[in-house]
Protein backbone atom coordinates (compact mmCIF):
# COMPACT_ATOMS: atom_id res chain seq x y z
CA UNK A 1 103.90 94.53 118.36
CA UNK A 2 102.33 92.37 115.52
CA UNK A 3 100.39 94.54 113.06
CA UNK A 4 97.85 94.13 110.27
CA UNK A 5 98.23 96.93 107.71
CA UNK A 6 94.94 98.54 106.07
CA UNK A 7 96.30 98.18 101.91
CA UNK A 8 95.66 100.10 99.23
CA UNK A 9 98.70 99.51 97.04
CA UNK A 10 99.79 103.32 96.67
CA UNK A 11 102.38 105.06 98.56
CA UNK A 12 100.90 106.02 101.56
CA UNK A 13 100.08 102.40 102.97
CA UNK A 14 103.00 101.23 101.46
CA UNK A 15 105.27 103.87 103.20
CA UNK A 16 103.02 103.30 106.85
CA UNK A 17 104.42 99.67 106.61
CA UNK A 18 107.67 100.41 105.60
CA UNK A 19 107.81 102.82 108.57
CA UNK A 20 106.38 100.59 111.10
CA UNK A 21 108.82 97.85 110.33
CA UNK A 22 111.27 100.44 110.71
CA UNK A 23 110.15 101.05 114.31
CA UNK A 24 110.28 97.55 115.02
CA UNK A 25 107.09 96.71 114.67
CA UNK A 26 105.99 93.37 112.59
CA UNK A 27 103.15 93.48 110.13
CA UNK A 28 101.89 90.16 109.66
CA UNK A 29 98.82 90.94 107.30
CA UNK A 30 97.89 93.31 104.74
CA UNK A 31 93.78 94.05 104.97
CA UNK A 32 92.31 95.26 101.39
CA UNK A 33 88.88 96.21 100.28
CA UNK A 34 87.94 96.88 97.14
CA UNK A 35 85.25 99.27 97.49
CA UNK A 36 82.12 99.62 94.86
CA UNK A 37 83.21 102.65 93.26
CA UNK A 38 85.74 105.44 93.06
CA UNK A 39 83.21 107.43 95.39
CA UNK A 40 84.70 106.06 98.94
CA UNK A 41 85.61 108.22 101.24
CA UNK A 42 86.96 105.74 103.28
CA UNK A 43 88.90 103.30 100.78
CA UNK A 44 91.24 103.72 97.97
CA UNK A 45 89.72 102.52 94.40
CA UNK A 46 91.97 102.62 91.02
CA UNK A 47 94.01 99.54 90.54
CA UNK A 48 93.33 97.85 93.56
CA UNK A 49 93.23 94.11 92.27
CA UNK A 50 96.93 94.23 91.55
CA UNK A 51 97.45 94.71 95.57
CA UNK A 52 98.41 90.95 95.47
CA UNK A 53 101.29 91.16 93.44
CA UNK A 54 102.81 93.47 95.79
CA UNK A 55 101.96 91.75 98.75
CA UNK A 56 103.38 88.59 97.04
CA UNK A 57 106.37 90.43 96.63
CA UNK A 58 106.69 91.85 100.06
CA UNK A 59 106.11 88.27 101.22
CA UNK A 60 103.16 89.37 103.07
CA UNK A 61 100.04 87.32 103.56
CA UNK A 62 96.40 89.12 102.48
CA UNK A 63 92.78 89.06 102.92
CA UNK A 64 91.58 90.95 100.35
CA UNK A 65 87.58 91.36 99.67
CA UNK A 66 85.30 93.33 97.67
CA UNK A 67 82.02 95.46 98.57
CA UNK A 68 78.59 95.57 96.64
CA UNK A 69 77.45 98.98 98.24
CA UNK A 70 78.55 102.72 98.08
CA UNK A 71 77.12 103.13 101.71
CA UNK A 72 79.82 103.88 104.22
CA UNK A 73 78.27 101.98 106.93
CA UNK A 74 78.62 98.80 104.84
CA UNK A 75 82.14 99.98 104.31
CA UNK A 76 83.07 100.29 107.69
CA UNK A 77 81.25 96.87 108.29
CA UNK A 78 82.79 94.98 106.45
CA UNK A 79 86.40 96.29 107.33
CA UNK A 80 85.44 95.73 111.25
CA UNK A 81 84.76 91.84 110.18
CA UNK A 82 88.11 92.02 108.49
CA UNK A 83 89.96 93.11 111.44
CA UNK A 84 88.23 90.54 113.52
CA UNK A 85 89.26 88.04 111.35
CA UNK A 86 93.13 89.43 111.05
CA UNK A 87 92.87 89.21 115.21
CA UNK A 88 91.57 85.85 115.47
CA UNK A 89 93.82 84.29 112.52
CA UNK A 90 97.14 86.18 113.00
CA UNK A 91 96.92 87.32 116.70
CA UNK A 92 97.64 91.00 115.72
CA UNK A 93 97.70 93.44 118.20
CA UNK A 94 97.25 96.51 116.46
CA UNK A 95 96.63 98.37 112.77
CA UNK A 96 98.78 100.59 111.01
CA UNK A 97 97.34 102.92 108.30
CA UNK A 98 98.85 105.70 105.97
CA UNK A 99 96.38 108.57 106.62
CA UNK A 100 98.03 112.05 106.83
CA UNK A 101 95.28 114.41 107.08
CA UNK A 102 92.07 112.57 106.63
CA UNK A 103 90.02 113.19 110.13
CA UNK A 104 87.42 110.84 108.94
CA UNK A 105 89.42 107.63 107.62
CA UNK A 106 91.36 108.11 111.36
CA UNK A 107 88.19 108.32 113.36
CA UNK A 108 86.62 105.29 111.53
CA UNK A 109 89.95 103.59 111.93
CA UNK A 110 90.30 104.24 115.39
CA UNK A 111 87.02 103.02 116.05
CA UNK A 112 87.14 100.10 114.73
CA UNK A 113 90.35 99.44 116.47
CA UNK A 114 88.90 100.56 120.12
CA UNK A 115 85.94 97.79 119.21
CA UNK A 116 88.95 95.10 118.80
CA UNK A 117 90.85 95.93 121.59
CA UNK A 118 94.03 96.96 119.20
CA UNK A 119 96.42 99.54 118.98
CA UNK A 120 96.40 102.10 115.99
CA UNK A 121 99.50 103.12 114.29
CA UNK A 122 99.61 106.14 112.20
CA UNK A 123 103.39 106.80 111.01
CA UNK A 124 102.59 109.34 108.48
CA UNK A 125 99.89 111.63 110.41
CA UNK A 126 100.42 115.26 110.46
CA UNK A 127 103.69 114.77 108.19
CA UNK A 128 104.63 117.96 106.05
CA UNK A 129 103.83 117.37 102.34
CA UNK A 130 106.91 118.86 100.74
CA UNK A 131 109.52 116.43 103.79
CA UNK A 132 107.42 113.40 103.22
CA UNK A 133 107.33 113.70 98.97
CA UNK A 134 110.93 114.02 99.39
CA UNK A 135 111.49 111.04 101.63
CA UNK A 136 109.75 108.78 99.45
CA UNK A 137 112.39 109.36 96.63
CA UNK A 138 115.05 109.35 99.20
CA UNK A 139 113.77 105.74 100.59
CA UNK A 140 113.74 104.48 97.24
CA UNK A 141 109.62 104.49 96.34
CA UNK A 142 108.86 104.31 92.84
CA UNK A 143 104.92 104.59 92.11
CA UNK A 144 103.20 105.81 89.39
CA UNK A 145 100.17 108.43 89.78
CA UNK A 146 96.84 106.48 88.33
CA UNK A 147 94.43 109.21 88.66
CA UNK A 148 93.99 112.82 88.59
CA UNK A 149 91.12 114.95 89.70
CA UNK A 150 92.39 118.51 90.16
CA UNK A 151 92.95 121.86 88.63
CA UNK A 152 96.65 121.83 87.63
CA UNK A 153 96.97 118.25 87.13
CA UNK A 154 96.09 116.69 83.29
CA UNK A 155 96.51 113.80 81.53
CA UNK A 156 100.13 113.95 80.74
CA UNK A 157 100.38 112.79 84.74
CA UNK A 158 98.78 109.47 84.47
CA UNK A 159 101.15 106.42 84.35
CA UNK A 160 103.93 108.68 85.64
CA UNK A 161 106.85 107.78 87.65
CA UNK A 162 107.22 110.52 90.35
CA UNK A 163 111.21 111.26 90.16
CA UNK A 164 113.12 114.28 91.29
CA UNK A 165 111.96 116.09 88.34
CA UNK A 166 108.71 114.84 88.41
CA UNK A 167 108.23 116.42 92.34
CA UNK A 168 109.71 119.60 91.44
CA UNK A 169 107.23 120.16 88.37
CA UNK A 170 104.47 118.85 91.04
CA UNK A 171 105.67 121.49 93.62
CA UNK A 172 105.03 124.31 90.87
CA UNK A 173 102.08 123.64 90.33
CA UNK A 174 101.19 123.29 93.78
CA UNK A 175 102.06 126.54 94.25
CA UNK A 176 99.97 127.83 91.47
CA UNK A 177 96.47 125.95 91.77
CA UNK A 178 96.61 124.96 95.75
CA UNK A 179 96.12 121.13 95.74
CA UNK A 180 97.71 119.05 98.56
CA UNK A 181 101.41 117.95 97.34
CA UNK A 182 101.00 114.44 99.02
CA UNK A 183 97.29 114.09 97.28
CA UNK A 184 95.75 113.85 100.71
CA UNK A 185 93.05 115.75 99.50
CA UNK A 186 91.89 112.96 96.52
CA UNK A 187 93.67 115.17 94.00
CA UNK A 188 95.28 112.24 92.74
CA UNK A 189 95.93 108.38 93.49
CA UNK A 190 99.27 106.13 93.22
CA UNK A 191 100.39 102.94 92.94
CA UNK A 192 103.81 101.40 94.46
CA UNK A 193 105.54 99.38 91.64
CA UNK A 194 108.97 99.09 93.79
CA UNK A 195 110.66 100.00 96.93
CA UNK A 196 112.94 98.56 99.62
CA UNK A 197 109.77 96.12 100.96
CA UNK A 198 109.68 94.39 97.73
CA UNK A 199 111.75 91.18 96.69
CA UNK A 200 110.32 91.93 93.02
CA UNK A 201 109.54 94.94 91.01
CA UNK A 202 106.19 95.26 89.12
CA UNK A 203 106.33 95.56 85.33
CA UNK A 204 103.23 97.29 83.76
CA UNK A 205 102.67 95.38 80.49
CA UNK A 206 99.57 97.11 79.38
CA UNK A 207 97.07 99.97 80.36
CA UNK A 208 94.50 102.30 79.09
CA UNK A 209 93.64 105.47 80.32
CA UNK A 210 90.57 107.71 80.50
CA UNK A 211 90.11 111.56 80.51
CA UNK A 212 87.60 113.79 80.47
CA UNK A 213 89.10 116.94 80.46
CA UNK A 214 89.28 117.23 84.00
CA UNK A 215 89.26 114.02 85.72
CA UNK A 216 91.63 110.94 84.37
CA UNK A 217 92.45 107.65 85.54
CA UNK A 218 95.44 105.24 84.46
CA UNK A 219 94.44 101.57 84.11
CA UNK A 220 96.63 98.88 84.60
CA UNK A 221 95.51 95.84 82.21
CA UNK A 222 98.52 93.39 82.95
CA UNK A 223 101.75 93.29 85.25
CA UNK A 224 103.82 90.95 86.20
CA UNK A 225 106.72 90.47 88.54
CA UNK A 226 110.43 90.84 87.68
CA UNK A 227 113.26 90.47 89.71
CA UNK A 228 114.98 93.26 91.03
CA UNK A 229 118.44 94.06 89.97
């Protein structure tokens, strides 16, 4: 089936594309909306402007638009128009998204698909956090943490690549503080810098961090593509 992917650059939306391809679907276009602020319940915010480099590395066309309002209705309408445009221009038959637990997101995306007579593919829906996070490492997904907003996650995690040791530490903290290990509750955001879909990895050349004692963000200032070894 010809699909468009709702793409934020984080681990979930990227891995959903990977799984869709393993299921023999083709992902013909990426749909990316840049929300007005990080308060959005529907869309991912940190470092989203650099998704264009990820799209270039995957050799997938991307449609990216910005939203100038925090109104969730405006976000929905903008996404609906984006999906309609993708159907007209790329003849897509469905949408793939990386939602795991958010019924609010899935209900909204499902409604948009229904309006446009499209299938919705949710390959990560209800996956178990522990097995999913391990699977990401087994499938050679490299991603960094770009924001934290949960007890147990301090500024030391900002910009950190999650490897086996990092995941083990996250599991210990999750047991102590009770956050979602896969960050589905918004405890953290991520950004993929390399994976099997990429022809070139992303090399971060400059960045800055913001930390207020509870919440923090890792902002990419300069990044380039480099050939994979």
